[in-house]
Amino acid sequence: MKVLNCLQAHKSLVSLSKNKMPLAVSFGIAKNVSSLIVVVDNFYKEREKRANELNAIKDSDSKEAKEKTQAFQKELDELLDTDVDVSLETIDLSKCSDISVAAEDLIGCSEFITIEDANKDG
């Protein structure tokens, strides 16, 4: 899973976790959020550290500042495209009959969400 996908999934799962749902579903979401938090925290710490280095350059219009900014953007893009080993479980939302979820909350985590057909015999 790419770092960018981890960031998106984390944001979506945190938003989804604010809904009232059965305990087993909430537990699965919380477990996934916990699995992602290490990647998310490390990403933001490294990004902030590098951004602080850029902010320390006194002349932001200098050639050095522009080169470092471009290098930072390139490194950031590469980091977002890095594969990380994260194991997430699939969450079945079909047990959540009264839940109302915005589409934007599902975008980042749709790969880990299922909704079984309630009319299906089985």
Protein backbone atom coordinates (compact mmCIF):
# COMPACT_ATOMS: atom_id res chain seq x y z
CA MET A 1 0.00 0.00 0.00
CA LYS A 2 1.34 3.46 -0.90
CA VAL A 3 1.88 6.11 1.77
CA LEU A 4 -0.63 8.35 -0.03
CA ASN A 5 -3.28 5.61 0.18
CA CYS A 6 -2.54 5.21 3.89
CA LEU A 7 -3.12 8.92 4.46
CA GLN A 8 -6.38 8.85 2.52
CA ALA A 9 -7.61 5.67 4.22
CA HIS A 10 -6.75 7.04 7.66
CA LYS A 11 -8.67 10.27 7.04
CA SER A 12 -11.69 8.38 5.71
CA LEU A 13 -11.71 5.79 8.49
CA VAL A 14 -11.42 8.44 11.20
CA SER A 15 -14.37 10.27 9.68
CA LEU A 16 -16.34 7.03 9.36
CA SER A 17 -15.55 6.14 12.99
CA LYS A 18 -17.58 9.13 14.18
CA ASN A 19 -20.79 7.30 13.23
CA LYS A 20 -22.67 5.14 15.69
CA MET A 21 -22.39 1.49 14.66
CA PRO A 22 -22.29 -2.01 16.12
CA LEU A 23 -19.37 -2.80 18.40
CA ALA A 24 -17.73 -5.31 16.05
CA VAL A 25 -17.77 -2.80 13.17
CA SER A 26 -16.41 -0.01 15.37
CA PHE A 27 -13.68 -2.34 16.60
CA GLY A 28 -12.64 -3.21 13.03
CA ILE A 29 -12.47 0.45 12.07
CA ALA A 30 -10.48 1.30 15.21
CA LYS A 31 -8.08 -1.56 14.48
CA ASN A 32 -7.50 -0.26 10.95
CA VAL A 33 -6.97 3.30 12.19
CA SER A 34 -4.41 1.99 14.69
CA SER A 35 -2.60 0.10 11.94
CA LEU A 36 -2.38 3.25 9.83
CA ILE A 37 -1.41 5.72 12.54
CA VAL A 38 2.26 4.72 12.55
CA VAL A 39 2.62 5.50 8.84
CA VAL A 40 0.57 8.69 9.13
CA ASP A 41 2.49 10.01 12.15
CA ASN A 42 5.87 9.24 10.61
CA PHE A 43 4.89 10.94 7.35
CA TYR A 44 3.76 14.13 9.07
CA LYS A 45 6.82 14.25 11.37
CA GLU A 46 9.22 13.93 8.44
CA ARG A 47 7.30 16.44 6.34
CA GLU A 48 7.26 18.95 9.18
CA LYS A 49 10.98 18.50 9.85
CA ARG A 50 11.80 19.16 6.19
CA ALA A 51 9.40 22.09 5.98
CA ASN A 52 11.06 23.67 9.03
CA GLU A 53 14.42 23.37 7.28
CA LEU A 54 12.97 25.26 4.31
CA ASN A 55 11.43 27.91 6.55
CA ALA A 56 14.85 28.49 8.14
CA ILE A 57 16.24 29.82 4.85
CA LYS A 58 16.35 33.59 5.32
CA ASP A 59 16.03 34.62 1.68
CA SER A 60 13.05 32.71 0.34
CA ASP A 61 13.62 34.15 -3.15
CA SER A 62 17.22 32.92 -3.36
CA LYS A 63 18.40 30.28 -5.78
CA GLU A 64 19.20 28.01 -2.81
CA ALA A 65 15.65 28.32 -1.48
CA LYS A 66 14.12 27.54 -4.86
CA GLU A 67 16.39 24.51 -5.36
CA LYS A 68 15.65 23.19 -1.87
CA THR A 69 11.92 23.71 -2.38
CA GLN A 70 12.01 21.75 -5.64
CA ALA A 71 14.06 19.00 -3.99
CA PHE A 72 11.60 18.89 -1.09
CA GLN A 73 8.63 18.55 -3.45
CA LYS A 74 10.37 15.76 -5.34
CA GLU A 75 11.20 13.91 -2.12
CA LEU A 76 7.65 14.39 -0.88
CA ASP A 77 6.19 12.97 -4.10
CA GLU A 78 8.55 9.99 -3.88
CA LEU A 79 7.62 9.42 -0.24
CA LEU A 80 3.90 9.50 -1.03
CA ASP A 81 4.53 6.88 -3.72
CA THR A 82 6.49 4.59 -1.37
CA ASP A 83 5.07 1.16 -0.62
CA VAL A 84 4.56 0.33 3.05
CA ASP A 85 3.49 -2.92 4.64
CA VAL A 86 0.15 -2.31 6.36
CA SER A 87 -2.41 -4.98 7.03
CA LEU A 88 -6.00 -3.77 7.10
CA GLU A 89 -9.10 -5.84 7.58
CA THR A 90 -12.23 -5.49 5.47
CA ILE A 91 -15.14 -3.86 7.29
CA ASP A 92 -18.68 -5.01 6.52
CA LEU A 93 -21.05 -2.05 6.87
CA SER A 94 -24.19 -4.05 6.08
CA LYS A 95 -24.77 -4.47 9.84
CA CYS A 96 -25.08 -0.70 10.14
CA SER A 97 -28.69 -0.14 9.14
CA ASP A 98 -29.02 3.40 10.48
CA ILE A 99 -25.69 4.72 9.29
CA SER A 100 -25.49 7.61 6.85
CA VAL A 101 -22.10 7.99 5.22
CA ALA A 102 -20.92 10.75 2.91
CA ALA A 103 -19.32 9.55 -0.32
CA GLU A 104 -16.13 11.47 0.48
CA ASP A 105 -15.78 9.41 3.66
CA LEU A 106 -15.78 6.22 1.62
CA ILE A 107 -13.40 7.31 -1.12
CA GLY A 108 -10.20 6.75 0.82
CA CYS A 109 -11.28 3.47 2.37
CA SER A 110 -13.54 1.87 -0.24
CA GLU A 111 -10.94 -0.85 -0.75
CA PHE A 112 -11.53 -2.00 2.85
CA ILE A 113 -15.32 -1.58 3.05
CA THR A 114 -17.97 -4.04 1.92
CA ILE A 115 -21.72 -3.87 2.03
CA GLU A 116 -23.27 -7.27 1.56
CA ASP A 117 -26.60 -7.43 -0.23
CA ALA A 118 -29.22 -7.45 2.53
CA ASN A 119 -31.78 -9.09 0.23
CA LYS A 120 -29.49 -11.95 -0.62
CA ASP A 121 -30.50 -15.36 0.70
CA GLY A 122 -27.72 -17.11 2.40
